Amino acid sequence: MATIYLLLGANLGDRLSTIQRAATLIGERVGAVTKGSSVYQTAPWGVEEQPAFLNQALVVETALAPEEVLRHLLDIEHELGRVRYERWGARDIDIDMLYYGHLVMDTARLTLPHPRLHERRFALVPLAEIAPDFVHPVLGVENATLLKQCPDEGEVRLFSE
């Protein structure tokens, strides 16, 4: 079994419902969701002229290999309406694998840990909430420290309906 850390994001449609549905499907197809962060409303990153996102981090226990996890995550995105129009553009759902345990890998399809995690406040805030002491296997720094050092100043605040 491996402990993986995922980030869910949505900024189109019923954002909260989509994130909740994604978490359910992950639990059914990838592995047991053992922890979830609060839901945060976050400023867009990359392409700023788009609606605000909702983001949530999850901890999942899986028996699947990293490429199998990725395949399931892409299938879930597709099932929930994800269409890839532009990089960092608006989307119904985005599911990123941030960590797969302490595995370090770089293939044509998958890089672990997520290569830009340490630059993204919208990912680090929910991740540091649920796994502050987890050490980034490449940078050798805890998530809580990565958040303190993060150069991104984008707004991240708790979401309330």
C-alpha atoms as a PDB file:
ATOM      1  CA  MET A   1       0.000   0.000   0.000  1.00  0.00           C
ATOM      2  CA  ALA A   2       1.120   3.536  -0.745  1.00  0.00           C
ATOM      3  CA  THR A   3      -0.026   6.821   0.726  1.00  0.00           C
ATOM      4  CA  ILE A   4      -0.726   9.357  -1.988  1.00  0.00           C
ATOM      5  CA  TYR A   5      -1.607  13.029  -1.765  1.00  0.00           C
ATOM      6  CA  LEU A   6      -3.983  14.539  -4.293  1.00  0.00           C
ATOM      7  CA  LEU A   7      -5.247  18.038  -5.014  1.00  0.00           C
ATOM      8  CA  LEU A   8      -8.743  18.539  -6.397  1.00  0.00           C
ATOM      9  CA  GLY A   9      -9.666  21.800  -8.085  1.00  0.00           C
ATOM     10  CA  ALA A  10     -12.713  23.154  -9.907  1.00  0.00           C
ATOM     11  CA  ASN A  11     -13.771  26.583 -11.127  1.00  0.00           C
ATOM     12  CA  LEU A  12     -16.690  25.872 -13.476  1.00  0.00           C
ATOM     13  CA  GLY A  13     -20.204  24.657 -12.740  1.00  0.00           C
ATOM     14  CA  ASP A  14     -21.169  23.484  -9.257  1.00  0.00           C
ATOM     15  CA  ARG A  15     -17.614  23.508  -7.958  1.00  0.00           C
ATOM     16  CA  LEU A  16     -18.287  22.030  -4.519  1.00  0.00           C
ATOM     17  CA  SER A  17     -20.494  19.231  -5.811  1.00  0.00           C
ATOM     18  CA  THR A  18     -17.902  18.336  -8.438  1.00  0.00           C
ATOM     19  CA  ILE A  19     -15.096  18.151  -5.878  1.00  0.00           C
ATOM     20  CA  GLN A  20     -17.257  16.002  -3.594  1.00  0.00           C
ATOM     21  CA  ARG A  21     -18.154  13.670  -6.466  1.00  0.00           C
ATOM     22  CA  ALA A  22     -14.481  13.403  -7.473  1.00  0.00           C
ATOM     23  CA  ALA A  23     -13.526  12.438  -3.904  1.00  0.00           C
ATOM     24  CA  THR A  24     -16.217   9.748  -3.899  1.00  0.00           C
ATOM     25  CA  LEU A  25     -15.023   8.320  -7.222  1.00  0.00           C
ATOM     26  CA  ILE A  26     -11.411   8.360  -6.022  1.00  0.00           C
ATOM     27  CA  GLY A  27     -12.487   6.373  -2.962  1.00  0.00           C
ATOM     28  CA  GLU A  28     -14.239   3.842  -5.188  1.00  0.00           C
ATOM     29  CA  ARG A  29     -11.532   3.456  -7.855  1.00  0.00           C
ATOM     30  CA  VAL A  30      -8.150   4.479  -6.431  1.00  0.00           C
ATOM     31  CA  GLY A  31      -8.214   3.676  -2.722  1.00  0.00           C
ATOM     32  CA  ALA A  32      -9.525   4.674   0.681  1.00  0.00           C
ATOM     33  CA  VAL A  33      -9.660   8.417   1.282  1.00  0.00           C
ATOM     34  CA  THR A  34      -8.293   8.652   4.816  1.00  0.00           C
ATOM     35  CA  LYS A  35      -8.163  12.421   5.196  1.00  0.00           C
ATOM     36  CA  GLY A  36      -9.419  15.522   3.445  1.00  0.00           C
ATOM     37  CA  SER A  37      -8.514  19.155   3.975  1.00  0.00           C
ATOM     38  CA  SER A  38     -10.968  21.960   4.307  1.00  0.00           C
ATOM     39  CA  VAL A  39     -12.220  23.360   1.007  1.00  0.00           C
ATOM     40  CA  TYR A  40     -10.527  26.598  -0.001  1.00  0.00           C
ATOM     41  CA  GLN A  41     -11.491  29.267  -2.502  1.00  0.00           C
ATOM     42  CA  THR A  42      -8.374  30.240  -4.376  1.00  0.00           C
ATOM     43  CA  ALA A  43      -7.252  32.766  -6.931  1.00  0.00           C
ATOM     44  CA  PRO A  44      -6.561  31.393 -10.426  1.00  0.00           C
ATOM     45  CA  TRP A  45      -2.923  30.609 -11.186  1.00  0.00           C
ATOM     46  CA  GLY A  46      -1.297  30.850 -14.601  1.00  0.00           C
ATOM     47  CA  VAL A  47      -4.279  32.304 -16.467  1.00  0.00           C
ATOM     48  CA  GLU A  48      -5.709  34.939 -14.141  1.00  0.00           C
ATOM     49  CA  GLU A  49      -8.786  35.983 -16.162  1.00  0.00           C
ATOM     50  CA  GLN A  50     -11.064  33.164 -15.031  1.00  0.00           C
ATOM     51  CA  PRO A  51     -13.348  32.333 -12.071  1.00  0.00           C
ATOM     52  CA  ALA A  52     -11.945  31.501  -8.635  1.00  0.00           C
ATOM     53  CA  PHE A  53     -11.220  27.851  -7.870  1.00  0.00           C
ATOM     54  CA  LEU A  54     -12.261  25.600  -5.056  1.00  0.00           C
ATOM     55  CA  ASN A  55      -9.440  23.316  -3.927  1.00  0.00           C
ATOM     56  CA  GLN A  56      -9.196  20.399  -1.529  1.00  0.00           C
ATOM     57  CA  ALA A  57      -6.303  18.068  -0.700  1.00  0.00           C
ATOM     58  CA  LEU A  58      -6.855  14.370  -0.007  1.00  0.00           C
ATOM     59  CA  VAL A  59      -4.798  11.581   1.534  1.00  0.00           C
ATOM     60  CA  VAL A  60      -5.505   8.231  -0.149  1.00  0.00           C
ATOM     61  CA  GLU A  61      -4.230   4.727   0.612  1.00  0.00           C
ATOM     62  CA  THR A  62      -3.809   2.798  -2.630  1.00  0.00           C
ATOM     63  CA  ALA A  63      -2.568  -0.561  -3.844  1.00  0.00           C
ATOM     64  CA  LEU A  64      -2.280   0.793  -7.402  1.00  0.00           C
ATOM     65  CA  ALA A  65       0.960   1.703  -9.157  1.00  0.00           C
ATOM     66  CA  PRO A  66       1.478   5.418  -9.967  1.00  0.00           C
ATOM     67  CA  GLU A  67       0.585   5.047 -13.683  1.00  0.00           C
ATOM     68  CA  GLU A  68      -2.603   3.163 -12.738  1.00  0.00           C
ATOM     69  CA  VAL A  69      -3.546   5.930 -10.305  1.00  0.00           C
ATOM     70  CA  LEU A  70      -2.969   8.509 -13.032  1.00  0.00           C
ATOM     71  CA  ARG A  71      -5.151   6.565 -15.480  1.00  0.00           C
ATOM     72  CA  HIS A  72      -8.005   6.443 -12.969  1.00  0.00           C
ATOM     73  CA  LEU A  73      -7.643  10.138 -12.142  1.00  0.00           C
ATOM     74  CA  LEU A  74      -7.778  11.090 -15.833  1.00  0.00           C
ATOM     75  CA  ASP A  75     -10.834   8.867 -16.312  1.00  0.00           C
ATOM     76  CA  ILE A  76     -12.562  10.551 -13.359  1.00  0.00           C
ATOM     77  CA  GLU A  77     -11.737  14.001 -14.749  1.00  0.00           C
ATOM     78  CA  HIS A  78     -13.188  13.005 -18.120  1.00  0.00           C
ATOM     79  CA  GLU A  79     -16.313  11.516 -16.521  1.00  0.00           C
ATOM     80  CA  LEU A  80     -16.892  14.750 -14.585  1.00  0.00           C
ATOM     81  CA  GLY A  81     -16.664  16.898 -17.709  1.00  0.00           C
ATOM     82  CA  ARG A  82     -13.010  17.892 -17.939  1.00  0.00           C
ATOM     83  CA  VAL A  83     -12.038  19.183 -21.363  1.00  0.00           C
ATOM     84  CA  ARG A  84      -8.499  20.474 -21.865  1.00  0.00           C
ATOM     85  CA  TYR A  85      -8.820  23.724 -23.823  1.00  0.00           C
ATOM     86  CA  GLU A  86      -5.803  25.650 -22.594  1.00  0.00           C
ATOM     87  CA  ARG A  87      -3.024  25.082 -20.090  1.00  0.00           C
ATOM     88  CA  TRP A  88      -3.995  26.437 -16.657  1.00  0.00           C
ATOM     89  CA  GLY A  89      -7.387  27.498 -18.027  1.00  0.00           C
ATOM     90  CA  ALA A  90     -10.846  27.144 -16.503  1.00  0.00           C
ATOM     91  CA  ARG A  91     -12.015  23.592 -15.859  1.00  0.00           C
ATOM     92  CA  ASP A  92     -14.815  21.556 -14.385  1.00  0.00           C
ATOM     93  CA  ILE A  93     -12.329  19.436 -12.425  1.00  0.00           C
ATOM     94  CA  ASP A  94      -8.594  19.005 -12.064  1.00  0.00           C
ATOM     95  CA  ILE A  95      -7.018  16.213 -10.047  1.00  0.00           C
ATOM     96  CA  ASP A  96      -3.278  16.423  -9.460  1.00  0.00           C
ATOM     97  CA  MET A  97      -1.150  13.764  -7.834  1.00  0.00           C
ATOM     98  CA  LEU A  98       1.158  15.763  -5.578  1.00  0.00           C
ATOM     99  CA  TYR A  99       3.018  12.872  -3.948  1.00  0.00           C
ATOM    100  CA  TYR A 100       3.019   9.104  -4.276  1.00  0.00           C
ATOM    101  CA  GLY A 101       4.626   8.266  -0.966  1.00  0.00           C
ATOM    102  CA  HIS A 102       8.255   9.328  -1.181  1.00  0.00           C
ATOM    103  CA  LEU A 103       8.601   8.132  -4.760  1.00  0.00           C
ATOM    104  CA  VAL A 104      10.590  10.267  -7.178  1.00  0.00           C
ATOM    105  CA  MET A 105       9.937   9.630 -10.866  1.00  0.00           C
ATOM    106  CA  ASP A 106       9.954  11.524 -14.139  1.00  0.00           C
ATOM    107  CA  THR A 107       8.375   9.933 -17.192  1.00  0.00           C
ATOM    108  CA  ALA A 108       6.694  11.339 -20.278  1.00  0.00           C
ATOM    109  CA  ARG A 109       3.294  11.015 -18.531  1.00  0.00           C
ATOM    110  CA  LEU A 110       4.026  11.568 -14.860  1.00  0.00           C
ATOM    111  CA  THR A 111       6.452  13.502 -12.688  1.00  0.00           C
ATOM    112  CA  LEU A 112       6.509  12.889  -8.930  1.00  0.00           C
ATOM    113  CA  PRO A 113       6.472  14.768  -6.746  1.00  0.00           C
ATOM    114  CA  HIS A 114       4.421  17.342  -8.647  1.00  0.00           C
ATOM    115  CA  PRO A 115       7.085  19.572 -10.230  1.00  0.00           C
ATOM    116  CA  ARG A 116       5.510  22.936  -9.348  1.00  0.00           C
ATOM    117  CA  LEU A 117       4.014  22.081  -5.967  1.00  0.00           C
ATOM    118  CA  HIS A 118       6.444  24.299  -4.032  1.00  0.00           C
ATOM    119  CA  GLU A 119       5.438  27.315  -6.184  1.00  0.00           C
ATOM    120  CA  ARG A 120       1.678  27.069  -5.635  1.00  0.00           C
ATOM    121  CA  ARG A 121       0.045  28.437  -2.527  1.00  0.00           C
ATOM    122  CA  PHE A 122      -3.366  27.051  -3.593  1.00  0.00           C
ATOM    123  CA  ALA A 123      -1.887  23.534  -3.333  1.00  0.00           C
ATOM    124  CA  LEU A 124       0.313  24.050  -0.282  1.00  0.00           C
ATOM    125  CA  VAL A 125      -2.329  25.555   2.024  1.00  0.00           C
ATOM    126  CA  PRO A 126      -4.683  22.535   1.933  1.00  0.00           C
ATOM    127  CA  LEU A 127      -1.755  20.103   1.799  1.00  0.00           C
ATOM    128  CA  ALA A 128      -0.061  21.669   4.834  1.00  0.00           C
ATOM    129  CA  GLU A 129      -3.376  21.451   6.689  1.00  0.00           C
ATOM    130  CA  ILE A 130      -3.515  17.658   6.387  1.00  0.00           C
ATOM    131  CA  ALA A 131       0.182  16.738   6.115  1.00  0.00           C
ATOM    132  CA  PRO A 132       2.315  19.563   7.555  1.00  0.00           C
ATOM    133  CA  ASP A 133       5.224  17.299   8.509  1.00  0.00           C
ATOM    134  CA  PHE A 134       5.419  15.262   5.298  1.00  0.00           C
ATOM    135  CA  VAL A 135       8.871  15.833   3.781  1.00  0.00           C
ATOM    136  CA  HIS A 136       9.109  16.635   0.076  1.00  0.00           C
ATOM    137  CA  PRO A 137      11.308  13.785  -1.229  1.00  0.00           C
ATOM    138  CA  VAL A 138      13.340  16.008  -3.567  1.00  0.00           C
ATOM    139  CA  LEU A 139      13.562  19.287  -1.656  1.00  0.00           C
ATOM    140  CA  GLY A 140      13.934  17.646   1.770  1.00  0.00           C
ATOM    141  CA  VAL A 141      11.585  20.170   3.408  1.00  0.00           C
ATOM    142  CA  GLU A 142       8.263  19.686   5.215  1.00  0.00           C
ATOM    143  CA  ASN A 143       5.044  20.903   3.563  1.00  0.00           C
ATOM    144  CA  ALA A 144       4.551  23.502   6.317  1.00  0.00           C
ATOM    145  CA  THR A 145       7.983  24.961   5.553  1.00  0.00           C
ATOM    146  CA  LEU A 146       7.329  24.894   1.801  1.00  0.00           C
ATOM    147  CA  LEU A 147       4.201  26.945   2.461  1.00  0.00           C
ATOM    148  CA  LYS A 148       6.136  29.510   4.511  1.00  0.00           C
ATOM    149  CA  GLN A 149       8.740  29.777   1.739  1.00  0.00           C
ATOM    150  CA  CYS A 150       6.259  29.846  -1.154  1.00  0.00           C
ATOM    151  CA  PRO A 151       6.720  32.886  -3.421  1.00  0.00           C
ATOM    152  CA  ASP A 152       3.092  32.726  -4.650  1.00  0.00           C
ATOM    153  CA  GLU A 153       0.917  35.439  -3.098  1.00  0.00           C
ATOM    154  CA  GLY A 154      -2.392  34.309  -4.601  1.00  0.00           C
ATOM    155  CA  GLU A 155      -5.404  34.498  -2.310  1.00  0.00           C
ATOM    156  CA  VAL A 156      -6.358  31.273  -0.528  1.00  0.00           C
ATOM    157  CA  ARG A 157      -9.225  31.415   1.961  1.00  0.00           C
ATOM    158  CA  LEU A 158     -11.570  28.954   3.587  1.00  0.00           C
ATOM    159  CA  PHE A 159     -14.671  28.405   1.479  1.00  0.00           C
ATOM    160  CA  SER A 160     -18.083  28.831   3.026  1.00  0.00           C
ATOM    161  CA  GLU A 161     -21.275  28.199   1.101  1.00  0.00           C
END
